[in-house]
């Protein structure tokens, strides 16, 4: 059996925003361009124009909406008073072996790596087709 590896290339993936280790953000975070999280976010997260990358020591307590792909290595906790967070991704969700999530995850595609722990509903939905010009 071969081990698969997820490679994170911030420049190639348009990840232009970062919450560094040891940092804590409280409130609603909206990111234009990809977002790499190594710190802690308490609140909802909205990412457009690039992927969400939640690193192994990063955590989110709240709901997440990502228009692109989501790479999940860290922890996702529900907001106070909720049983689960909601994570919605327009692209694929990659759930790494280090992921610990209490979340309902909805995405265009799901890739799970051995060891990922998810307490919640996981479902896929059809990806929206891009508009094309009709001839005639």
Protein backbone atom coordinates (compact mmCIF):
# COMPACT_ATOMS: atom_id res chain seq x y z
CA UNK A 1 0.00 0.00 0.00
CA UNK A 2 1.36 3.43 -0.92
CA UNK A 3 1.04 6.42 1.33
CA UNK A 4 -0.55 9.46 -0.25
CA UNK A 5 0.70 12.91 0.61
CA UNK A 6 -1.10 16.23 0.42
CA UNK A 7 1.21 18.97 -0.82
CA UNK A 8 0.32 22.55 0.15
CA UNK A 9 1.87 25.12 -2.21
CA UNK A 10 0.73 28.55 -0.96
CA UNK A 11 1.86 30.46 -4.07
CA UNK A 12 0.48 27.98 -6.59
CA UNK A 13 -2.80 27.67 -4.66
CA UNK A 14 -3.35 31.47 -4.33
CA UNK A 15 -3.08 31.31 -0.53
CA UNK A 16 -2.43 34.96 0.27
CA UNK A 17 -3.84 35.15 3.82
CA UNK A 18 -2.49 33.49 6.94
CA UNK A 19 -3.30 33.24 10.63
CA UNK A 20 0.05 32.39 12.22
CA UNK A 21 0.69 29.91 15.05
CA UNK A 22 -0.06 31.44 18.45
CA UNK A 23 -2.54 33.93 16.92
CA UNK A 24 -6.20 34.02 17.91
CA UNK A 25 -8.97 35.72 15.92
CA UNK A 26 -12.44 36.24 17.43
CA UNK A 27 -15.33 37.27 15.16
CA UNK A 28 -16.35 36.68 11.55
CA UNK A 29 -13.34 36.32 9.25
CA UNK A 30 -13.81 36.97 5.52
CA UNK A 31 -10.88 36.18 3.26
CA UNK A 32 -10.46 37.13 -0.41
CA UNK A 33 -7.84 34.70 -1.69
CA UNK A 34 -6.82 31.47 -0.02
CA UNK A 35 -6.49 31.24 3.76
CA UNK A 36 -3.95 29.19 5.73
CA UNK A 37 -4.83 28.76 9.42
CA UNK A 38 -2.18 27.74 11.92
CA UNK A 39 -3.69 29.63 14.86
CA UNK A 40 -7.17 29.72 16.41
CA UNK A 41 -10.37 31.22 15.02
CA UNK A 42 -13.48 31.58 17.18
CA UNK A 43 -16.25 32.64 14.82
CA UNK A 44 -17.44 32.00 11.30
CA UNK A 45 -15.08 31.89 8.32
CA UNK A 46 -15.81 32.80 4.69
CA UNK A 47 -13.11 32.14 2.07
CA UNK A 48 -13.43 33.14 -1.60
CA UNK A 49 -10.89 33.24 -4.42
CA UNK A 50 -8.74 30.39 -3.10
CA UNK A 51 -8.72 27.34 -0.86
CA UNK A 52 -8.95 27.00 2.91
CA UNK A 53 -6.06 25.18 4.58
CA UNK A 54 -6.53 24.31 8.25
CA UNK A 55 -3.13 23.11 9.42
CA UNK A 56 -2.62 20.39 12.05
CA UNK A 57 -2.29 22.77 15.01
CA UNK A 58 -4.94 25.20 13.75
CA UNK A 59 -8.52 25.25 14.96
CA UNK A 60 -11.86 26.78 14.04
CA UNK A 61 -14.80 27.07 16.42
CA UNK A 62 -17.71 28.05 14.19
CA UNK A 63 -19.11 27.57 10.68
CA UNK A 64 -17.02 27.64 7.50
CA UNK A 65 -17.95 28.49 3.92
CA UNK A 66 -15.27 28.07 1.27
CA UNK A 67 -16.00 28.66 -2.42
CA UNK A 68 -13.00 26.51 -3.43
CA UNK A 69 -11.31 23.41 -1.95
CA UNK A 70 -10.69 22.84 1.77
CA UNK A 71 -7.69 20.97 3.17
CA UNK A 72 -8.37 19.94 6.75
CA UNK A 73 -5.56 18.81 9.05
CA UNK A 74 -6.57 20.51 12.34
CA UNK A 75 -9.61 20.77 14.59
CA UNK A 76 -13.14 22.03 13.94
CA UNK A 77 -15.41 22.64 16.93
CA UNK A 78 -19.05 23.72 17.00
CA UNK A 79 -19.91 27.18 18.29
CA UNK A 80 -21.24 27.35 21.83
CA UNK A 81 -24.75 25.94 22.04
CA UNK A 82 -24.48 23.94 18.79
CA UNK A 83 -23.95 20.21 18.33
CA UNK A 84 -21.96 20.57 15.10
CA UNK A 85 -20.31 23.20 12.95
CA UNK A 86 -21.34 23.50 9.31
CA UNK A 87 -18.57 23.35 6.70
CA UNK A 88 -19.59 23.99 3.10
CA UNK A 89 -17.03 23.86 0.28
CA UNK A 90 -17.72 24.56 -3.37
CA UNK A 91 -14.84 22.31 -4.40
CA UNK A 92 -13.35 19.22 -2.81
CA UNK A 93 -12.70 18.62 0.89
CA UNK A 94 -9.53 16.73 1.79
CA UNK A 95 -9.79 15.26 5.30
CA UNK A 96 -6.27 14.41 6.48
CA UNK A 97 -5.40 11.74 9.02
CA UNK A 98 -4.91 14.40 11.75
CA UNK A 99 -8.37 15.99 11.35
CA UNK A 100 -10.67 16.06 14.39
CA UNK A 101 -14.03 17.62 13.52
CA UNK A 102 -17.48 17.92 15.05
CA UNK A 103 -18.99 19.21 11.84
CA UNK A 104 -21.49 18.54 9.09
CA UNK A 105 -19.42 18.67 5.89
CA UNK A 106 -20.91 19.40 2.47
CA UNK A 107 -18.72 19.55 -0.64
CA UNK A 108 -18.49 18.85 -4.35
CA UNK A 109 -16.16 15.91 -3.61
CA UNK A 110 -14.72 14.27 -0.51
CA UNK A 111 -11.31 12.65 -0.03
CA UNK A 112 -10.74 10.99 3.34
CA UNK A 113 -7.37 9.78 4.57
CA UNK A 114 -7.07 6.94 7.08
CA UNK A 115 -7.31 8.30 10.61
CA UNK A 116 -9.49 11.38 9.98
CA UNK A 117 -12.10 11.72 12.73
CA UNK A 118 -15.42 13.35 11.86
CA UNK A 119 -18.49 13.44 14.10
CA UNK A 120 -21.22 14.72 11.81
CA UNK A 121 -22.92 14.28 8.45
CA UNK A 122 -20.79 14.12 5.31
CA UNK A 123 -22.42 14.65 1.94
CA UNK A 124 -21.53 15.57 -1.62
CA UNK A 125 -23.48 17.82 -3.92
CA UNK A 126 -23.15 18.45 -7.62
CA UNK A 127 -20.68 21.15 -8.41
CA UNK A 128 -22.13 24.18 -10.16
CA UNK A 129 -21.35 24.20 -13.88
CA UNK A 130 -19.59 27.26 -15.22
CA UNK A 131 -21.60 29.35 -17.62
CA UNK A 132 -20.67 29.05 -21.28
CA UNK A 133 -21.74 31.19 -24.19
CA UNK A 134 -24.39 29.58 -26.36
CA UNK A 135 -23.87 29.87 -30.11
CA UNK A 136 -26.99 31.01 -31.98
